[in-house]
N, C-alpha and C. Protein backbone atom coordinates (compact mmCIF):
# COMPACT_ATOMS: atom_id res chain seq x y z
N VAL A 1 90.31 128.67 123.51
CA VAL A 1 91.51 128.08 122.86
C VAL A 1 90.90 126.81 122.41
N GLN A 2 91.25 126.61 121.05
CA GLN A 2 91.22 125.34 120.52
C GLN A 2 92.22 124.67 119.81
N SER A 3 92.34 123.57 119.65
CA SER A 3 93.35 122.97 119.08
C SER A 3 93.24 122.90 117.58
N GLY A 4 94.28 123.29 116.83
CA GLY A 4 94.20 123.40 115.45
C GLY A 4 95.29 122.53 114.81
N ILE A 5 94.96 121.38 114.17
CA ILE A 5 95.97 120.55 113.64
C ILE A 5 96.77 121.32 112.62
N GLU A 6 96.16 122.01 111.55
CA GLU A 6 96.85 122.69 110.49
C GLU A 6 96.98 124.17 110.67
N ARG A 7 96.78 124.54 111.81
CA ARG A 7 96.68 126.19 111.99
C ARG A 7 98.14 126.71 112.68
N LEU A 8 98.27 127.92 112.54
CA LEU A 8 99.28 128.32 113.17
C LEU A 8 99.01 128.80 114.48
N GLN A 9 99.77 128.67 115.65
CA GLN A 9 99.61 128.87 116.88
C GLN A 9 99.47 130.43 117.06
N ALA A 10 98.31 130.89 117.81
CA ALA A 10 98.03 132.21 118.09
C ALA A 10 97.07 132.90 116.92
N SER A 11 96.63 132.07 116.02
CA SER A 11 96.04 132.60 114.81
C SER A 11 94.42 132.41 115.18
N VAL A 12 93.67 133.63 114.94
CA VAL A 12 92.23 133.42 115.06
C VAL A 12 91.54 132.50 114.08
N ILE A 13 90.71 131.49 114.62
CA ILE A 13 90.22 130.62 113.79
C ILE A 13 88.63 130.66 113.52
N GLU A 14 88.00 131.57 114.66
CA GLU A 14 86.68 131.46 114.52
C GLU A 14 86.27 132.89 115.52
N THR A 15 85.26 133.54 114.98
CA THR A 15 84.48 134.68 115.99
C THR A 15 83.06 134.32 116.02
N GLN A 16 82.47 134.78 117.17
CA GLN A 16 81.13 134.90 117.35
C GLN A 16 80.65 136.17 117.90
N PRO A 17 79.85 136.75 117.19
CA PRO A 17 79.16 136.22 116.02
C PRO A 17 80.16 136.35 114.84
N ASP A 18 79.83 135.69 113.73
CA ASP A 18 80.51 135.46 112.47
C ASP A 18 80.91 136.88 111.80
N GLU A 19 81.94 136.91 111.01
CA GLU A 19 82.24 137.93 110.12
C GLU A 19 81.25 138.46 109.59
N GLY A 20 81.27 139.87 109.44
CA GLY A 20 80.15 140.31 108.75
C GLY A 20 78.81 140.76 109.48
N PHE A 21 78.73 140.42 110.71
CA PHE A 21 77.36 140.68 111.45
C PHE A 21 77.50 141.83 112.22
N SER A 22 76.44 142.63 112.04
CA SER A 22 76.43 144.03 112.68
C SER A 22 76.29 143.95 114.17
N MET A 23 77.11 144.91 114.85
CA MET A 23 76.97 144.68 116.45
C MET A 23 76.77 146.27 117.00
N SER A 24 76.12 146.14 118.14
CA SER A 24 76.20 147.61 118.67
C SER A 24 77.38 147.92 119.66
N PRO A 25 77.66 148.97 120.02
CA PRO A 25 78.72 149.08 120.93
C PRO A 25 78.31 148.59 122.18
N GLY A 26 79.48 147.90 122.77
CA GLY A 26 79.33 147.36 124.03
C GLY A 26 78.92 145.78 124.00
N GLN A 27 78.68 145.21 122.88
CA GLN A 27 78.34 144.01 122.75
C GLN A 27 79.48 142.90 122.71
N GLN A 28 79.62 142.08 123.24
CA GLN A 28 80.93 141.04 123.33
C GLN A 28 80.92 140.40 122.00
N VAL A 29 82.37 140.05 121.88
CA VAL A 29 82.80 139.21 120.55
C VAL A 29 83.50 138.01 121.27
N GLU A 30 83.21 136.78 120.81
CA GLU A 30 83.97 135.69 121.24
C GLU A 30 84.72 135.33 120.15
N VAL A 31 86.12 135.33 120.59
CA VAL A 31 87.25 134.98 119.77
C VAL A 31 87.65 133.76 119.97
N HIS A 32 87.79 132.83 119.08
CA HIS A 32 88.63 131.40 119.18
C HIS A 32 89.99 131.47 118.55
N VAL A 33 90.99 131.27 119.30
CA VAL A 33 92.47 131.23 119.03
C VAL A 33 93.04 129.93 118.99
N SER A 34 93.79 129.56 118.02
CA SER A 34 94.24 128.27 118.04
C SER A 34 95.57 128.14 119.03
N ASP A 35 95.70 127.12 119.54
CA ASP A 35 97.11 126.82 120.21
C ASP A 35 98.11 126.06 119.45
N GLY A 36 97.88 126.07 118.09
CA GLY A 36 98.92 125.45 117.14
C GLY A 36 98.49 124.01 116.87
N PRO A 37 99.43 123.44 116.21
CA PRO A 37 99.28 121.92 115.92
C PRO A 37 99.57 120.99 117.09
N GLU A 38 98.78 120.09 117.31
CA GLU A 38 99.27 118.92 118.27
C GLU A 38 100.44 118.38 118.10
N VAL A 39 101.44 118.57 119.05
CA VAL A 39 103.06 117.77 118.72
C VAL A 39 103.20 116.68 119.83
N ALA A 40 104.09 115.97 119.46
CA ALA A 40 104.67 114.88 120.44
C ALA A 40 106.05 114.86 120.25
N ALA A 41 106.60 114.87 121.55
CA ALA A 41 107.96 114.79 121.73
C ALA A 41 108.70 113.51 121.45
N LEU A 42 109.67 113.38 120.60
CA LEU A 42 110.30 112.18 120.25
C LEU A 42 111.05 111.61 121.64
N PRO A 43 110.75 110.40 121.92
CA PRO A 43 111.47 109.91 123.05
C PRO A 43 112.76 109.26 122.65
N ALA A 44 113.67 109.17 123.67
CA ALA A 44 115.06 108.59 123.29
C ALA A 44 114.81 106.99 122.69
N LEU A 45 115.20 106.91 121.58
CA LEU A 45 114.90 105.63 121.10
C LEU A 45 116.20 104.95 120.64
N VAL A 46 117.33 105.81 120.25
CA VAL A 46 118.53 105.27 119.80
C VAL A 46 119.13 104.43 121.00
N GLY A 47 119.50 103.23 120.81
CA GLY A 47 120.17 102.33 121.70
C GLY A 47 119.21 101.58 122.63
N MET A 48 117.63 101.72 122.19
CA MET A 48 116.72 100.71 122.71
C MET A 48 116.83 99.48 121.81
N THR A 49 116.00 98.42 122.23
CA THR A 49 115.78 97.32 121.43
C THR A 49 114.72 97.75 120.60
N GLU A 50 114.21 96.96 119.43
CA GLU A 50 113.22 97.46 118.41
C GLU A 50 111.91 97.34 119.38
N LYS A 51 111.60 96.28 120.26
CA LYS A 51 110.48 96.10 120.99
C LYS A 51 110.27 97.31 121.77
N GLN A 52 111.33 97.88 122.60
CA GLN A 52 111.19 98.72 123.41
C GLN A 52 110.92 100.08 122.73
N ALA A 53 111.48 100.42 121.52
CA ALA A 53 111.14 101.60 120.60
C ALA A 53 109.93 101.49 120.26
N ARG A 54 109.27 100.27 119.90
CA ARG A 54 107.81 100.26 119.40
C ARG A 54 106.79 100.71 120.44
N ASP A 55 107.13 100.39 121.66
CA ASP A 55 106.27 100.62 122.60
C ASP A 55 106.43 102.03 122.98
N ALA A 56 107.55 102.73 123.07
CA ALA A 56 107.87 104.01 123.32
C ALA A 56 107.20 104.85 122.27
N ILE A 57 107.19 104.60 120.96
CA ILE A 57 106.52 105.28 119.86
C ILE A 57 105.18 105.35 120.13
N ALA A 58 104.61 104.27 120.50
CA ALA A 58 103.02 104.27 120.61
C ALA A 58 102.76 105.23 121.65
N ALA A 59 103.53 105.00 122.93
CA ALA A 59 103.28 105.91 123.97
C ALA A 59 103.25 107.26 123.87
N ALA A 60 104.20 107.66 122.86
CA ALA A 60 104.53 109.14 122.70
C ALA A 60 103.02 109.68 121.63
N GLY A 61 102.40 108.97 121.28
CA GLY A 61 101.50 109.12 120.10
C GLY A 61 102.00 109.44 118.90
N LEU A 62 103.07 108.74 118.47
CA LEU A 62 103.50 108.67 117.17
C LEU A 62 103.09 107.34 116.55
N SER A 63 103.56 106.99 115.07
CA SER A 63 103.26 105.76 114.35
C SER A 63 104.59 105.19 114.04
N LEU A 64 104.70 103.89 114.02
CA LEU A 64 105.79 103.44 113.63
C LEU A 64 105.76 103.09 112.20
N GLY A 65 106.82 103.49 111.52
CA GLY A 65 106.86 103.44 109.97
C GLY A 65 107.68 102.05 109.59
N ALA A 66 108.69 102.24 108.64
CA ALA A 66 109.48 101.25 108.17
C ALA A 66 110.56 100.94 109.27
N ILE A 67 111.07 99.65 109.22
CA ILE A 67 112.03 99.25 110.09
C ILE A 67 113.27 98.90 108.97
N LEU A 68 114.57 99.53 108.92
CA LEU A 68 115.45 99.14 108.02
C LEU A 68 116.39 98.29 108.76
N PRO A 69 116.68 97.13 108.46
CA PRO A 69 117.70 96.49 109.00
C PRO A 69 119.20 97.00 108.36
N VAL A 70 120.18 97.06 109.39
CA VAL A 70 121.40 97.57 108.94
C VAL A 70 122.55 96.69 109.73
N ASP A 71 123.65 96.11 108.78
CA ASP A 71 124.76 95.47 109.39
C ASP A 71 125.49 96.43 110.18
N ASP A 72 125.79 96.19 111.43
CA ASP A 72 126.49 97.05 112.29
C ASP A 72 127.58 96.23 113.23
N ALA A 73 128.70 96.37 113.09
CA ALA A 73 129.70 95.67 113.69
C ALA A 73 129.81 95.84 115.28
N GLU A 74 129.07 96.79 115.65
CA GLU A 74 129.28 97.25 117.09
C GLU A 74 127.97 97.15 118.01
N HIS A 75 126.84 96.95 117.30
CA HIS A 75 125.57 96.77 117.89
C HIS A 75 124.89 95.45 117.79
N ALA A 76 124.31 95.13 119.06
CA ALA A 76 123.62 93.51 119.09
C ALA A 76 122.48 93.88 118.15
N GLU A 77 122.05 92.58 117.87
CA GLU A 77 120.81 92.51 117.00
C GLU A 77 119.59 93.08 117.82
N SER A 78 118.71 93.86 116.94
CA SER A 78 117.63 94.56 117.20
C SER A 78 117.77 95.97 117.84
N THR A 79 118.96 96.49 118.17
CA THR A 79 119.43 97.63 118.71
C THR A 79 118.98 98.76 117.79
N VAL A 80 118.17 99.78 118.07
CA VAL A 80 118.00 100.96 117.31
C VAL A 80 119.27 101.85 117.09
N LEU A 81 119.55 101.91 115.80
CA LEU A 81 120.72 102.76 115.37
C LEU A 81 120.39 104.32 115.08
N SER A 82 119.24 104.37 114.38
CA SER A 82 118.86 105.90 114.17
C SER A 82 117.32 106.01 113.91
N VAL A 83 116.86 107.18 113.95
CA VAL A 83 115.48 107.47 113.66
C VAL A 83 115.11 108.64 112.73
N HIS A 84 114.26 108.45 112.03
CA HIS A 84 113.94 109.26 110.74
C HIS A 84 112.35 109.63 110.84
N SER A 85 111.96 110.54 110.30
CA SER A 85 110.71 111.20 110.08
C SER A 85 110.63 111.96 108.90
N ASP A 86 109.93 111.61 108.00
CA ASP A 86 109.61 112.50 106.75
C ASP A 86 111.14 112.46 105.81
N GLY A 87 111.86 111.52 106.01
CA GLY A 87 113.29 111.33 105.18
C GLY A 87 114.30 112.09 106.26
N ASP A 88 113.95 112.87 107.26
CA ASP A 88 115.14 113.52 108.10
C ASP A 88 115.42 112.80 109.33
N THR A 89 116.65 112.72 109.72
CA THR A 89 117.03 112.19 110.98
C THR A 89 116.55 113.03 112.16
N VAL A 90 115.84 112.37 113.15
CA VAL A 90 115.45 113.08 114.21
C VAL A 90 116.15 112.57 115.64
N ALA A 91 115.83 113.31 116.55
CA ALA A 91 116.50 112.75 117.91
C ALA A 91 115.69 113.06 119.15
N GLU A 92 116.00 112.72 120.25
CA GLU A 92 115.33 112.67 121.39
C GLU A 92 114.81 114.13 121.65
N GLY A 93 113.69 114.30 122.04
CA GLY A 93 113.18 115.69 122.31
C GLY A 93 112.83 116.34 121.20
N ASP A 94 112.96 116.07 120.03
CA ASP A 94 112.39 116.71 118.69
C ASP A 94 110.81 116.62 118.73
N GLU A 95 110.26 117.85 118.41
CA GLU A 95 108.76 117.89 118.53
C GLU A 95 108.40 117.44 116.83
N LEU A 96 107.49 116.55 116.71
CA LEU A 96 106.93 116.03 115.58
C LEU A 96 105.31 116.21 115.67
N PRO A 97 104.75 116.24 114.59
CA PRO A 97 103.22 116.45 114.64
C PRO A 97 102.72 115.08 115.25
N ALA A 98 101.62 115.24 116.21
CA ALA A 98 101.13 113.87 116.77
C ALA A 98 100.60 113.00 115.67
N GLY A 99 100.92 111.69 115.92
CA GLY A 99 100.72 110.76 115.14
C GLY A 99 101.66 110.68 113.85
N ALA A 100 102.66 111.46 113.83
CA ALA A 100 103.66 111.38 112.75
C ALA A 100 104.42 109.92 112.61
N THR A 101 104.80 109.68 111.58
CA THR A 101 105.46 108.44 111.20
C THR A 101 106.88 108.36 111.52
N VAL A 102 107.55 107.39 112.25
CA VAL A 102 108.67 107.39 112.78
C VAL A 102 109.39 105.96 112.15
N ASP A 103 110.60 106.17 111.35
CA ASP A 103 111.14 105.03 110.68
C ASP A 103 112.27 104.73 111.49
N LEU A 104 112.61 103.47 111.60
CA LEU A 104 113.81 103.01 112.44
C LEU A 104 114.86 102.25 111.73
N GLN A 105 116.11 102.48 111.95
CA GLN A 105 117.26 101.77 111.61
C GLN A 105 117.70 100.85 112.47
N VAL A 106 117.68 99.52 112.48
CA VAL A 106 117.93 98.51 113.46
C VAL A 106 118.98 97.64 113.13
N ALA A 107 119.77 97.40 114.21
CA ALA A 107 121.07 96.63 113.96
C ALA A 107 120.43 95.05 113.64
N THR A 108 121.31 94.40 112.86
CA THR A 108 120.90 93.06 112.47
C THR A 108 121.73 91.93 113.36
N GLY A 109 122.74 92.55 113.87
CA GLY A 109 123.53 91.77 114.83
C GLY A 109 124.52 90.76 114.01
N ARG A 110 124.69 91.20 112.58
CA ARG A 110 125.57 90.55 111.65
C ARG A 110 126.32 91.47 110.73
N VAL A 111 127.44 90.83 110.20
CA VAL A 111 128.21 91.89 109.26
C VAL A 111 128.33 90.89 108.09
N GLN A 112 129.01 91.59 107.16
CA GLN A 112 129.23 90.73 105.84
C GLN A 112 130.69 90.62 105.58
N VAL A 113 131.20 89.34 105.38
CA VAL A 113 132.47 88.97 105.22
C VAL A 113 132.84 88.70 103.74
N ASN A 114 133.79 89.35 103.27
CA ASN A 114 134.06 89.09 101.80
C ASN A 114 134.91 87.82 101.87
N ASP A 115 135.10 87.35 100.71
CA ASP A 115 135.80 86.25 100.33
C ASP A 115 137.27 86.57 100.23
N LEU A 116 138.16 86.31 101.16
CA LEU A 116 139.34 86.72 101.62
C LEU A 116 140.45 85.60 101.11
N ARG A 117 140.04 84.73 100.31
CA ARG A 117 141.09 83.43 99.93
C ARG A 117 141.88 84.44 98.81
N GLY A 118 143.17 84.13 98.95
CA GLY A 118 144.20 84.78 97.92
C GLY A 118 144.64 86.01 98.52
N PHE A 119 144.12 86.64 99.46
CA PHE A 119 144.72 87.59 99.91
C PHE A 119 145.88 87.21 101.17
N SER A 120 146.83 88.32 101.30
CA SER A 120 147.88 88.01 102.20
C SER A 120 147.12 87.77 103.81
N LEU A 121 147.85 87.25 104.45
CA LEU A 121 147.18 86.71 105.71
C LEU A 121 147.11 88.07 106.48
N LYS A 122 148.16 88.94 106.33
CA LYS A 122 148.13 90.43 107.14
C LYS A 122 147.04 91.13 106.60
N ALA A 123 146.48 91.26 105.42
CA ALA A 123 145.19 91.79 104.93
C ALA A 123 144.04 91.18 105.27
N ALA A 124 143.95 89.92 105.34
CA ALA A 124 142.82 89.22 105.70
C ALA A 124 142.49 89.44 107.09
N GLU A 125 143.49 89.31 107.95
CA GLU A 125 143.42 89.56 109.29
C GLU A 125 142.96 91.21 109.55
N SER A 126 143.56 91.99 108.92
CA SER A 126 143.21 93.17 109.17
C SER A 126 141.33 93.64 108.68
N ALA A 127 141.09 93.00 107.61
CA ALA A 127 139.69 93.11 107.25
C ALA A 127 138.93 92.38 108.12
N LEU A 128 139.10 91.40 108.86
CA LEU A 128 138.03 90.79 109.70
C LEU A 128 138.10 91.45 111.27
N THR A 129 139.34 92.17 111.46
CA THR A 129 139.46 93.05 112.74
C THR A 129 138.54 94.24 112.58
N GLN A 130 138.70 94.90 111.44
CA GLN A 130 137.93 96.18 111.19
C GLN A 130 136.45 95.77 111.16
N LEU A 131 135.78 94.60 111.04
CA LEU A 131 134.60 94.13 111.12
C LEU A 131 134.06 93.86 112.79
N GLY A 132 135.26 93.80 113.52
CA GLY A 132 135.00 93.41 114.71
C GLY A 132 134.95 91.83 115.06
N LEU A 133 135.69 91.27 114.01
CA LEU A 133 135.34 89.73 114.09
C LEU A 133 137.02 89.32 114.52
N THR A 134 137.07 87.98 115.02
CA THR A 134 138.41 87.76 115.45
C THR A 134 138.95 86.65 114.39
N PRO A 135 140.10 87.01 113.85
CA PRO A 135 140.65 86.10 112.97
C PRO A 135 141.44 84.75 113.71
N GLU A 136 141.30 83.70 113.07
CA GLU A 136 142.10 82.47 113.84
C GLU A 136 142.79 81.90 112.77
N VAL A 137 144.22 81.63 112.79
CA VAL A 137 144.93 81.29 111.64
C VAL A 137 145.10 79.67 111.90
N VAL A 138 144.63 79.05 110.90
CA VAL A 138 144.81 77.60 110.89
C VAL A 138 145.94 77.12 109.90
N GLU A 139 147.03 76.45 110.26
CA GLU A 139 148.20 76.19 109.55
C GLU A 139 147.76 74.86 109.06
N ASP A 140 147.95 74.77 107.56
CA ASP A 140 148.02 73.37 106.97
C ASP A 140 149.17 72.86 106.44
N ASP A 141 149.80 71.91 107.16
CA ASP A 141 151.01 71.47 106.44
C ASP A 141 151.07 70.44 105.61
N THR A 142 150.04 70.08 105.03
CA THR A 142 149.63 69.33 103.99
C THR A 142 149.89 69.83 102.62
N CYS A 143 149.82 71.34 102.56
CA CYS A 143 150.13 71.97 101.43
C CYS A 143 151.16 72.93 101.33
N GLU A 144 151.87 73.13 100.17
CA GLU A 144 153.02 73.82 99.79
C GLU A 144 152.66 75.31 100.05
N PRO A 145 153.64 76.14 100.75
CA PRO A 145 153.47 77.39 100.57
C PRO A 145 153.86 77.98 99.49
N SER A 146 153.24 79.02 99.00
CA SER A 146 153.46 79.64 97.92
C SER A 146 154.69 80.80 97.98
N SER A 147 155.14 81.46 96.72
CA SER A 147 156.01 82.34 97.13
C SER A 147 155.61 83.51 97.98
N GLN A 148 154.22 83.96 97.91
CA GLN A 148 153.75 84.75 98.90
C GLN A 148 152.66 84.22 99.53
N PRO A 149 152.86 83.77 100.85
CA PRO A 149 151.82 83.00 101.75
C PRO A 149 150.60 83.84 101.55
N GLY A 150 149.51 83.22 101.42
CA GLY A 150 148.22 83.79 101.56
C GLY A 150 147.33 82.93 102.25
N VAL A 151 145.77 83.26 102.24
CA VAL A 151 144.69 82.73 102.77
C VAL A 151 144.45 81.69 101.61
N VAL A 152 144.26 80.23 102.06
CA VAL A 152 143.89 79.52 100.91
C VAL A 152 142.28 78.77 101.40
N SER A 153 142.16 79.14 102.65
CA SER A 153 140.44 78.55 102.94
C SER A 153 140.09 79.76 104.15
N GLN A 154 138.84 79.58 104.27
CA GLN A 154 138.05 80.62 105.22
C GLN A 154 136.86 79.90 105.71
N SER A 155 136.53 80.02 106.87
CA SER A 155 135.53 79.22 107.56
C SER A 155 134.15 79.88 107.19
N ALA A 156 133.93 81.08 107.01
CA ALA A 156 132.65 81.77 106.48
C ALA A 156 132.89 82.71 105.61
N ILE A 157 132.05 82.91 104.63
CA ILE A 157 131.92 84.03 103.59
C ILE A 157 130.33 84.62 103.81
N GLY A 158 130.23 85.86 103.67
CA GLY A 158 128.87 86.28 103.67
C GLY A 158 128.46 86.75 105.07
N SER A 159 127.02 86.70 105.40
CA SER A 159 126.74 87.19 106.52
C SER A 159 126.93 86.50 107.75
N VAL A 160 127.60 87.08 108.82
CA VAL A 160 127.97 86.23 109.93
C VAL A 160 127.67 87.07 111.23
N PRO A 161 127.45 86.44 112.44
CA PRO A 161 126.91 87.16 113.45
C PRO A 161 128.14 87.99 114.04
N ILE A 162 128.17 89.32 114.56
CA ILE A 162 129.09 89.97 114.96
C ILE A 162 129.86 89.33 116.14
N LYS A 163 131.25 89.71 116.06
CA LYS A 163 132.09 89.12 117.13
C LYS A 163 132.32 87.77 116.98
N SER A 164 132.30 87.16 115.79
CA SER A 164 132.52 85.82 115.32
C SER A 164 133.82 85.57 115.48
N THR A 165 134.38 84.54 115.30
CA THR A 165 135.64 83.99 114.90
C THR A 165 135.83 83.20 113.59
N ILE A 166 136.50 84.02 112.63
CA ILE A 166 136.49 83.34 111.48
C ILE A 166 138.07 82.67 111.15
N ARG A 167 138.01 81.32 110.75
CA ARG A 167 139.28 80.73 110.70
C ARG A 167 139.83 80.86 109.13
N LEU A 168 141.18 81.06 109.23
CA LEU A 168 141.95 81.78 107.90
C LEU A 168 142.91 80.48 107.70
N GLY A 169 142.89 79.73 106.63
CA GLY A 169 143.77 78.56 106.54
C GLY A 169 144.96 79.06 105.63
N VAL A 170 146.08 78.67 105.98
CA VAL A 170 147.31 78.95 105.21
C VAL A 170 148.14 77.79 105.10
N CYS A 171 148.95 77.59 104.11
CA CYS A 171 149.74 76.65 103.72
C CYS A 171 151.19 76.91 104.41
N THR A 172 151.55 75.74 105.19
CA THR A 172 152.71 75.78 105.90
C THR A 172 153.50 74.59 105.66
N GLY A 173 153.22 73.72 104.75
CA GLY A 173 153.98 72.53 104.58
C GLY A 173 155.37 72.77 103.71
N GLU A 174 156.27 71.80 103.89
CA GLU A 174 157.50 71.70 103.24
C GLU A 174 157.34 71.70 101.67
N GLU A 175 158.14 72.48 101.10
CA GLU A 175 158.01 72.61 99.65
C GLU A 175 158.61 71.23 99.18
N ALA A 176 158.16 70.57 98.22
CA ALA A 176 158.37 69.21 97.60
C ALA A 176 159.91 69.11 97.18
N THR A 177 160.56 68.24 97.54
CA THR A 177 161.82 68.13 97.05
C THR A 177 162.01 66.98 96.25
N PRO A 178 162.75 67.05 95.05
CA PRO A 178 162.53 65.57 94.15
C PRO A 178 163.30 64.42 95.08
N SER A 179 162.75 63.41 94.53
CA SER A 179 163.31 62.34 95.29
C SER A 179 164.72 61.89 94.67
N PRO A 180 165.73 61.48 95.49
CA PRO A 180 166.93 61.34 95.12
C PRO A 180 166.83 60.10 94.17
N THR A 181 167.62 60.05 93.09
CA THR A 181 167.86 59.11 92.28
C THR A 181 168.63 57.77 92.72
N PRO A 182 168.13 56.43 92.95
CA PRO A 182 168.81 55.67 93.36
C PRO A 182 169.91 55.46 92.74
N THR A 183 171.27 55.21 93.46
CA THR A 183 172.41 54.85 92.76
C THR A 183 172.68 53.49 92.81
N PRO A 184 172.75 52.72 91.66
CA PRO A 184 173.08 51.24 91.45
C PRO A 184 174.01 50.93 92.61
N PRO A 185 173.98 49.66 93.00
CA PRO A 185 174.89 49.24 94.16
C PRO A 185 176.27 48.85 93.26
N LYS A 186 177.19 49.11 94.16
CA LYS A 186 178.67 48.83 93.56
C LYS A 186 178.79 47.05 93.53
N PRO A 187 179.45 46.94 92.36
CA PRO A 187 179.53 45.27 92.31
C PRO A 187 180.59 44.85 93.61
N THR A 188 180.30 43.92 94.15
CA THR A 188 181.15 43.21 95.05
C THR A 188 182.02 42.27 94.65
N ALA A 189 182.95 41.78 95.32
CA ALA A 189 183.99 40.67 94.99
C ALA A 189 183.24 39.52 94.71
N ASP A 190 182.17 39.18 95.17
CA ASP A 190 181.55 37.83 95.01
C ASP A 190 180.94 37.91 93.60
N ALA A 191 180.24 39.25 93.15
CA ALA A 191 179.55 39.34 92.07
C ALA A 191 180.68 39.40 90.90
N ALA A 192 181.63 39.84 91.32
CA ALA A 192 182.48 39.84 89.94
C ALA A 192 183.15 38.45 89.61
N ARG A 193 183.19 37.51 90.52
CA ARG A 193 183.69 36.37 90.29
C ARG A 193 182.75 35.55 89.41
N ARG A 194 181.54 35.68 89.55
CA ARG A 194 180.63 34.77 88.82
C ARG A 194 180.47 35.03 87.26
């Protein structure tokens, strides 16, 4: 039995003597049969760190391909999220041709925060919570609240570490009231005599 990288399992790949050779009855023919392509079982990679996955891929006789960074609110930086080979998602135990290229999607440990200024406080808090972030309301009593209170400042916009706290500023100051017009003093009896 010989290994055949591109041959089907149990197919005849060679005979001795070669095809077309005349033989006498009772002579032996040697037949070589393929045991199929060499394969490697994909190890459990999802949930490993990128370094652990690199080592496991090499140990399994596979090749590391592309590493695609992915923002994910639930997984720490460098955690393998999914595994692909030839564009298909593959899982632990799947058999791949020996030496096949394996691509990884790996968590960045970060999420993208939109600019929430102008949003209602409730909507901004909900958006941050959905990203696994902790909103912290900071009341600013030096500015006037508008008719619909909303976020006027934000501590971070863009890429932030997962599980971060984001401060949202809201105005809570008193609405300005017009200064009272001073009333002229009433004349006194002394002033009237002069």
